[in-house]
N, C-alpha and C. Protein backbone atom coordinates (compact mmCIF):
# COMPACT_ATOMS: atom_id res chain seq x y z
N MET A 1 116.24 -195.61 69.22
CA MET A 1 116.58 -194.39 69.94
C MET A 1 116.09 -193.20 69.15
N LYS A 2 115.49 -192.30 69.83
CA LYS A 2 115.04 -191.08 69.20
C LYS A 2 115.57 -189.90 70.01
N LEU A 3 116.19 -188.96 69.32
CA LEU A 3 116.68 -187.76 69.99
C LEU A 3 115.52 -186.86 70.36
N SER A 4 115.63 -186.18 71.48
CA SER A 4 114.63 -185.18 71.84
C SER A 4 114.80 -183.98 70.90
N LYS A 5 113.77 -183.18 70.83
CA LYS A 5 113.85 -181.96 70.01
C LYS A 5 114.94 -181.04 70.55
N LYS A 6 115.11 -181.00 71.88
CA LYS A 6 116.16 -180.15 72.45
C LYS A 6 117.53 -180.58 71.95
N ALA A 7 117.81 -181.88 71.98
CA ALA A 7 119.11 -182.37 71.52
C ALA A 7 119.28 -182.11 70.03
N GLU A 8 118.24 -182.37 69.25
CA GLU A 8 118.32 -182.11 67.81
C GLU A 8 118.58 -180.64 67.53
N TYR A 9 117.83 -179.75 68.17
CA TYR A 9 118.00 -178.32 67.94
C TYR A 9 119.37 -177.85 68.42
N ALA A 10 119.85 -178.40 69.52
CA ALA A 10 121.17 -178.03 70.01
C ALA A 10 122.24 -178.40 68.99
N LEU A 11 122.14 -179.60 68.43
CA LEU A 11 123.11 -180.02 67.42
C LEU A 11 123.01 -179.16 66.17
N ARG A 12 121.78 -178.85 65.74
CA ARG A 12 121.61 -177.99 64.56
C ARG A 12 122.21 -176.61 64.80
N ALA A 13 121.99 -176.05 65.98
CA ALA A 13 122.54 -174.73 66.30
C ALA A 13 124.07 -174.78 66.32
N LEU A 14 124.64 -175.81 66.92
CA LEU A 14 126.10 -175.92 66.99
C LEU A 14 126.71 -176.12 65.61
N VAL A 15 126.06 -176.88 64.76
CA VAL A 15 126.57 -177.05 63.38
C VAL A 15 126.52 -175.72 62.65
N ALA A 16 125.43 -174.99 62.79
CA ALA A 16 125.33 -173.67 62.15
C ALA A 16 126.42 -172.74 62.65
N MET A 17 126.67 -172.74 63.94
CA MET A 17 127.71 -171.88 64.50
C MET A 17 129.10 -172.35 64.06
N GLY A 18 129.27 -173.65 63.95
CA GLY A 18 130.55 -174.21 63.55
C GLY A 18 130.93 -173.92 62.12
N ARG A 19 129.92 -173.68 61.27
CA ARG A 19 130.18 -173.34 59.85
C ARG A 19 130.82 -171.95 59.71
N ALA A 20 130.57 -171.08 60.64
CA ALA A 20 131.02 -169.69 60.55
C ALA A 20 132.49 -169.56 60.94
N ARG A 21 133.02 -168.41 60.67
CA ARG A 21 134.41 -168.15 61.05
C ARG A 21 134.54 -168.19 62.57
N GLU A 22 135.73 -168.51 63.01
CA GLU A 22 136.00 -168.59 64.46
C GLU A 22 135.76 -167.23 65.10
N GLY A 23 135.10 -167.22 66.24
CA GLY A 23 134.84 -165.99 66.97
C GLY A 23 133.58 -165.26 66.55
N ALA A 24 132.84 -165.82 65.57
CA ALA A 24 131.61 -165.16 65.11
C ALA A 24 130.57 -165.14 66.22
N ASN A 25 129.81 -164.04 66.28
CA ASN A 25 128.71 -163.91 67.23
C ASN A 25 127.40 -164.26 66.56
N PHE A 26 126.52 -164.90 67.31
CA PHE A 26 125.21 -165.28 66.79
C PHE A 26 124.14 -164.76 67.70
N SER A 27 123.22 -163.99 67.13
CA SER A 27 122.07 -163.56 67.93
C SER A 27 121.08 -164.72 67.95
N ILE A 28 120.36 -164.80 69.04
CA ILE A 28 119.37 -165.87 69.17
C ILE A 28 118.33 -165.74 68.05
N GLN A 29 117.93 -164.52 67.74
CA GLN A 29 116.90 -164.30 66.72
C GLN A 29 117.36 -164.80 65.35
N GLU A 30 118.58 -164.44 64.96
CA GLU A 30 119.10 -164.86 63.64
C GLU A 30 119.25 -166.38 63.57
N LEU A 31 119.76 -166.96 64.62
CA LEU A 31 119.98 -168.41 64.66
C LEU A 31 118.63 -169.15 64.62
N ALA A 32 117.66 -168.66 65.36
CA ALA A 32 116.33 -169.28 65.37
C ALA A 32 115.71 -169.23 63.98
N LYS A 33 115.84 -168.08 63.33
CA LYS A 33 115.25 -167.91 62.00
C LYS A 33 115.97 -168.78 60.96
N SER A 34 117.28 -168.75 60.96
CA SER A 34 118.03 -169.49 59.94
C SER A 34 117.92 -170.99 60.08
N GLU A 35 117.73 -171.48 61.32
CA GLU A 35 117.67 -172.92 61.56
C GLU A 35 116.25 -173.43 61.79
N GLY A 36 115.27 -172.51 61.77
CA GLY A 36 113.88 -172.92 61.97
C GLY A 36 113.61 -173.50 63.35
N ILE A 37 114.21 -172.88 64.36
CA ILE A 37 114.06 -173.34 65.74
C ILE A 37 113.22 -172.31 66.49
N PRO A 38 112.19 -172.74 67.22
CA PRO A 38 111.40 -171.79 68.00
C PRO A 38 112.29 -170.97 68.95
N LEU A 39 112.08 -169.67 68.95
CA LEU A 39 112.95 -168.75 69.68
C LEU A 39 113.05 -169.07 71.18
N LYS A 40 111.93 -169.25 71.85
CA LYS A 40 111.95 -169.51 73.30
C LYS A 40 112.66 -170.83 73.61
N PHE A 41 112.47 -171.82 72.74
CA PHE A 41 113.13 -173.10 72.91
C PHE A 41 114.64 -172.93 72.74
N LEU A 42 115.04 -172.16 71.74
CA LEU A 42 116.46 -171.94 71.47
C LEU A 42 117.12 -171.19 72.62
N GLU A 43 116.42 -170.25 73.22
CA GLU A 43 116.98 -169.53 74.37
C GLU A 43 117.38 -170.50 75.48
N GLN A 44 116.50 -171.45 75.79
CA GLN A 44 116.79 -172.45 76.83
C GLN A 44 117.98 -173.33 76.43
N ILE A 45 118.00 -173.72 75.17
CA ILE A 45 119.06 -174.60 74.67
C ILE A 45 120.42 -173.91 74.75
N LEU A 46 120.48 -172.67 74.26
CA LEU A 46 121.75 -171.95 74.27
C LEU A 46 122.23 -171.67 75.69
N LEU A 47 121.30 -171.42 76.59
CA LEU A 47 121.67 -171.21 77.99
C LEU A 47 122.28 -172.49 78.57
N SER A 48 121.69 -173.64 78.26
CA SER A 48 122.24 -174.93 78.73
C SER A 48 123.63 -175.17 78.14
N LEU A 49 123.80 -174.85 76.86
CA LEU A 49 125.11 -175.02 76.22
C LEU A 49 126.14 -174.06 76.82
N LYS A 50 125.69 -172.87 77.19
CA LYS A 50 126.59 -171.91 77.85
C LYS A 50 126.98 -172.43 79.24
N ASN A 51 126.00 -172.90 79.98
CA ASN A 51 126.27 -173.40 81.33
C ASN A 51 127.17 -174.64 81.32
N SER A 52 127.17 -175.37 80.21
CA SER A 52 128.02 -176.56 80.11
C SER A 52 129.43 -176.22 79.64
N GLY A 53 129.66 -174.95 79.25
CA GLY A 53 130.99 -174.53 78.83
C GLY A 53 131.26 -174.64 77.34
N ILE A 54 130.24 -174.94 76.55
CA ILE A 54 130.42 -175.06 75.10
C ILE A 54 130.31 -173.70 74.42
N LEU A 55 129.45 -172.84 74.95
CA LEU A 55 129.25 -171.49 74.40
C LEU A 55 129.58 -170.44 75.44
N ARG A 56 129.76 -169.23 74.95
CA ARG A 56 129.83 -168.07 75.85
C ARG A 56 128.90 -167.02 75.28
N SER A 57 128.47 -166.14 76.13
CA SER A 57 127.59 -165.07 75.65
C SER A 57 128.25 -163.73 75.88
N LYS A 58 127.86 -162.81 75.02
CA LYS A 58 128.39 -161.45 75.09
C LYS A 58 127.20 -160.51 74.99
N ARG A 59 127.11 -159.59 75.91
CA ARG A 59 125.99 -158.66 75.93
C ARG A 59 126.31 -157.41 75.12
N GLY A 60 125.26 -156.69 74.78
CA GLY A 60 125.41 -155.40 74.14
C GLY A 60 125.49 -155.47 72.63
N VAL A 61 125.86 -154.33 72.05
CA VAL A 61 125.96 -154.21 70.61
C VAL A 61 127.02 -155.19 70.10
N GLY A 62 126.69 -155.94 69.07
CA GLY A 62 127.62 -156.92 68.54
C GLY A 62 127.72 -158.16 69.40
N GLY A 63 126.82 -158.27 70.36
CA GLY A 63 126.85 -159.40 71.26
C GLY A 63 126.11 -160.60 70.69
N GLY A 64 125.94 -161.58 71.51
CA GLY A 64 125.28 -162.81 71.12
C GLY A 64 126.02 -163.98 71.72
N TYR A 65 125.89 -165.10 71.08
CA TYR A 65 126.56 -166.32 71.54
C TYR A 65 127.72 -166.65 70.62
N GLN A 66 128.79 -167.18 71.20
CA GLN A 66 129.97 -167.64 70.47
C GLN A 66 130.32 -169.04 70.92
N LEU A 67 130.91 -169.79 70.00
CA LEU A 67 131.45 -171.08 70.39
C LEU A 67 132.66 -170.85 71.27
N LEU A 68 132.71 -171.49 72.40
CA LEU A 68 133.85 -171.42 73.30
C LEU A 68 134.79 -172.58 73.02
N VAL A 69 134.23 -173.65 72.49
CA VAL A 69 134.97 -174.87 72.18
C VAL A 69 134.96 -175.04 70.65
N LYS A 70 136.07 -175.43 70.09
CA LYS A 70 136.15 -175.65 68.64
C LYS A 70 135.24 -176.81 68.24
N PRO A 71 134.63 -176.73 67.04
CA PRO A 71 133.73 -177.79 66.58
C PRO A 71 134.36 -179.18 66.60
N ALA A 72 135.66 -179.27 66.39
CA ALA A 72 136.34 -180.57 66.39
C ALA A 72 136.45 -181.16 67.80
N LYS A 73 136.17 -180.37 68.81
CA LYS A 73 136.26 -180.83 70.20
C LYS A 73 134.89 -181.06 70.83
N ILE A 74 133.82 -180.75 70.09
CA ILE A 74 132.47 -180.95 70.62
C ILE A 74 131.92 -182.25 70.06
N THR A 75 131.76 -183.25 70.92
CA THR A 75 131.24 -184.53 70.43
C THR A 75 129.72 -184.52 70.47
N LEU A 76 129.14 -185.28 69.56
CA LEU A 76 127.69 -185.41 69.56
C LEU A 76 127.23 -186.05 70.86
N GLY A 77 128.04 -186.96 71.39
CA GLY A 77 127.69 -187.63 72.63
C GLY A 77 127.52 -186.69 73.80
N GLU A 78 128.42 -185.72 73.93
CA GLU A 78 128.29 -184.81 75.07
C GLU A 78 127.07 -183.92 74.93
N VAL A 79 126.73 -183.54 73.71
CA VAL A 79 125.55 -182.69 73.50
C VAL A 79 124.27 -183.48 73.76
N VAL A 80 124.20 -184.69 73.20
CA VAL A 80 123.01 -185.51 73.39
C VAL A 80 122.84 -185.86 74.87
N ALA A 81 123.92 -186.20 75.55
CA ALA A 81 123.85 -186.54 76.97
C ALA A 81 123.40 -185.34 77.81
N LEU A 82 123.81 -184.15 77.40
CA LEU A 82 123.42 -182.94 78.12
C LEU A 82 121.90 -182.78 78.13
N PHE A 83 121.25 -183.09 77.02
CA PHE A 83 119.81 -182.88 76.91
C PHE A 83 118.98 -184.14 77.13
N ASP A 84 119.52 -185.31 76.79
CA ASP A 84 118.74 -186.55 76.87
C ASP A 84 119.25 -187.54 77.90
N GLY A 85 120.38 -187.23 78.53
CA GLY A 85 120.95 -188.18 79.47
C GLY A 85 121.74 -189.26 78.74
N PRO A 86 122.28 -190.21 79.47
CA PRO A 86 123.09 -191.25 78.84
C PRO A 86 122.25 -192.16 77.94
N PHE A 87 122.87 -192.66 76.89
CA PHE A 87 122.17 -193.55 75.95
C PHE A 87 121.97 -194.91 76.60
N ASP A 88 120.73 -195.35 76.61
CA ASP A 88 120.42 -196.68 77.13
C ASP A 88 119.22 -197.21 76.35
N PRO A 89 119.46 -198.11 75.39
CA PRO A 89 118.37 -198.58 74.54
C PRO A 89 117.35 -199.46 75.27
N LEU A 90 117.69 -199.98 76.42
CA LEU A 90 116.79 -200.84 77.18
C LEU A 90 116.84 -200.42 78.65
N PRO A 91 116.26 -199.26 78.96
CA PRO A 91 116.43 -198.71 80.30
C PRO A 91 115.85 -199.56 81.43
N GLY A 92 114.81 -200.35 81.19
CA GLY A 92 114.20 -201.12 82.26
C GLY A 92 115.00 -202.34 82.68
N ARG A 93 115.73 -202.92 81.75
CA ARG A 93 116.53 -204.13 82.00
C ARG A 93 115.70 -205.23 82.65
N GLU A 94 114.49 -205.41 82.12
CA GLU A 94 113.61 -206.44 82.69
C GLU A 94 114.07 -207.84 82.32
N SER A 95 114.75 -207.97 81.21
CA SER A 95 115.22 -209.28 80.78
C SER A 95 116.75 -209.28 80.74
N GLU A 96 117.34 -210.18 81.49
CA GLU A 96 118.81 -210.26 81.53
C GLU A 96 119.39 -210.60 80.17
N ALA A 97 118.73 -211.51 79.42
CA ALA A 97 119.22 -211.90 78.09
C ALA A 97 119.21 -210.70 77.14
N LEU A 98 118.11 -209.97 77.13
CA LEU A 98 118.04 -208.78 76.26
C LEU A 98 119.03 -207.72 76.72
N SER A 99 119.17 -207.57 77.99
CA SER A 99 120.09 -206.59 78.53
C SER A 99 121.52 -206.86 78.05
N ASN A 100 121.91 -208.12 78.05
CA ASN A 100 123.26 -208.48 77.58
C ASN A 100 123.43 -208.20 76.10
N VAL A 101 122.41 -208.51 75.30
CA VAL A 101 122.48 -208.27 73.86
C VAL A 101 122.56 -206.78 73.57
N PHE A 102 121.71 -206.02 74.26
CA PHE A 102 121.69 -204.58 74.01
C PHE A 102 122.88 -203.85 74.61
N ALA A 103 123.60 -204.47 75.50
CA ALA A 103 124.81 -203.85 76.05
C ALA A 103 125.83 -203.61 74.94
N ASP A 104 125.93 -204.54 73.99
CA ASP A 104 126.84 -204.35 72.86
C ASP A 104 126.43 -203.14 72.02
N LEU A 105 125.13 -203.06 71.75
CA LEU A 105 124.62 -201.92 70.98
C LEU A 105 124.90 -200.62 71.71
N ARG A 106 124.63 -200.60 73.00
CA ARG A 106 124.87 -199.39 73.80
C ARG A 106 126.32 -198.96 73.70
N GLU A 107 127.25 -199.91 73.83
CA GLU A 107 128.67 -199.58 73.76
C GLU A 107 129.07 -199.05 72.38
N GLN A 108 128.52 -199.64 71.33
CA GLN A 108 128.84 -199.18 69.97
C GLN A 108 128.32 -197.77 69.72
N VAL A 109 127.10 -197.50 70.17
CA VAL A 109 126.52 -196.17 69.99
C VAL A 109 127.30 -195.14 70.81
N ILE A 110 127.61 -195.48 72.04
CA ILE A 110 128.38 -194.56 72.89
C ILE A 110 129.74 -194.26 72.26
N GLU A 111 130.37 -195.27 71.71
CA GLU A 111 131.67 -195.06 71.06
C GLU A 111 131.52 -194.15 69.85
N TRP A 112 130.50 -194.41 69.01
CA TRP A 112 130.28 -193.57 67.83
C TRP A 112 130.01 -192.13 68.24
N PHE A 113 129.16 -191.94 69.24
CA PHE A 113 128.86 -190.60 69.73
C PHE A 113 130.10 -189.90 70.28
N SER A 114 130.98 -190.64 70.90
CA SER A 114 132.17 -190.02 71.49
C SER A 114 133.24 -189.70 70.45
N LEU A 115 133.17 -190.35 69.29
CA LEU A 115 134.15 -190.11 68.23
C LEU A 115 133.67 -189.12 67.18
N THR A 116 132.38 -188.90 67.10
CA THR A 116 131.81 -188.03 66.07
C THR A 116 131.63 -186.64 66.65
N THR A 117 132.19 -185.66 65.93
CA THR A 117 132.16 -184.27 66.41
C THR A 117 131.30 -183.39 65.51
N VAL A 118 131.06 -182.19 65.98
CA VAL A 118 130.34 -181.21 65.18
C VAL A 118 131.12 -180.94 63.89
N ALA A 119 132.44 -180.92 63.97
CA ALA A 119 133.27 -180.71 62.76
C ALA A 119 133.06 -181.84 61.75
N ASN A 120 132.91 -183.08 62.22
CA ASN A 120 132.64 -184.20 61.33
C ASN A 120 131.32 -184.01 60.58
N VAL A 121 130.31 -183.53 61.28
CA VAL A 121 129.00 -183.29 60.66
C VAL A 121 129.14 -182.23 59.58
N ILE A 122 129.88 -181.17 59.87
CA ILE A 122 130.08 -180.08 58.90
C ILE A 122 130.83 -180.60 57.69
N GLU A 123 131.87 -181.43 57.90
CA GLU A 123 132.63 -182.00 56.79
C GLU A 123 131.75 -182.85 55.88
N LYS A 124 130.91 -183.70 56.47
CA LYS A 124 130.01 -184.54 55.68
C LYS A 124 129.02 -183.69 54.90
N GLU A 125 128.54 -182.64 55.54
CA GLU A 125 127.61 -181.71 54.89
C GLU A 125 128.27 -181.06 53.67
N GLN A 126 129.52 -180.64 53.82
CA GLN A 126 130.25 -180.00 52.72
C GLN A 126 130.55 -180.99 51.60
N GLN A 127 130.83 -182.24 51.95
CA GLN A 127 131.08 -183.25 50.93
C GLN A 127 129.84 -183.48 50.08
N ARG A 128 128.68 -183.52 50.71
CA ARG A 128 127.43 -183.70 49.98
C ARG A 128 127.15 -182.53 49.06
N GLU A 129 127.50 -181.33 49.50
CA GLU A 129 127.25 -180.14 48.69
C GLU A 129 128.13 -180.06 47.46
N THR A 130 129.32 -180.66 47.52
CA THR A 130 130.24 -180.58 46.39
C THR A 130 129.96 -181.66 45.34
N VAL A 131 129.16 -182.64 45.66
CA VAL A 131 128.82 -183.68 44.70
C VAL A 131 127.80 -183.12 43.73
N SER A 132 128.05 -183.28 42.44
CA SER A 132 127.09 -182.82 41.44
C SER A 132 126.86 -183.93 40.43
N PHE A 133 125.67 -183.95 39.93
CA PHE A 133 125.30 -184.97 38.95
C PHE A 133 124.94 -184.28 37.65
N GLU A 134 125.48 -184.83 36.57
CA GLU A 134 125.16 -184.28 35.25
C GLU A 134 124.55 -185.38 34.40
N ILE A 135 123.55 -185.02 33.62
CA ILE A 135 122.91 -186.00 32.74
C ILE A 135 123.15 -185.59 31.30
């Protein structure tokens, strides 16, 4: 399975927004620059996230995008499904035997995606940052 660039960029943007204090506003320009996401691509992504109810936008001075849903409530599965559709490792199902074997994988991945949140990603990121090695 490979995530589309849209799904990857959406997750990166949500993680960046989730790191900030609650209620923080993000301009598309700042977010694109800090996360290395093409601006026009990010505009489409944030609009999709807004239309799905994950973000809200505010116009004018001090405006931008805000998380509408807390990072602990945003699952990776819902974001990936929004941009890539449902996970199916064997979409053609040409072989019944393979289809049955891959059904287990599909269920495990779907479960992991539904249990893993943006907050979990941020926590793992922070754990890695606090580890230091001394020689």
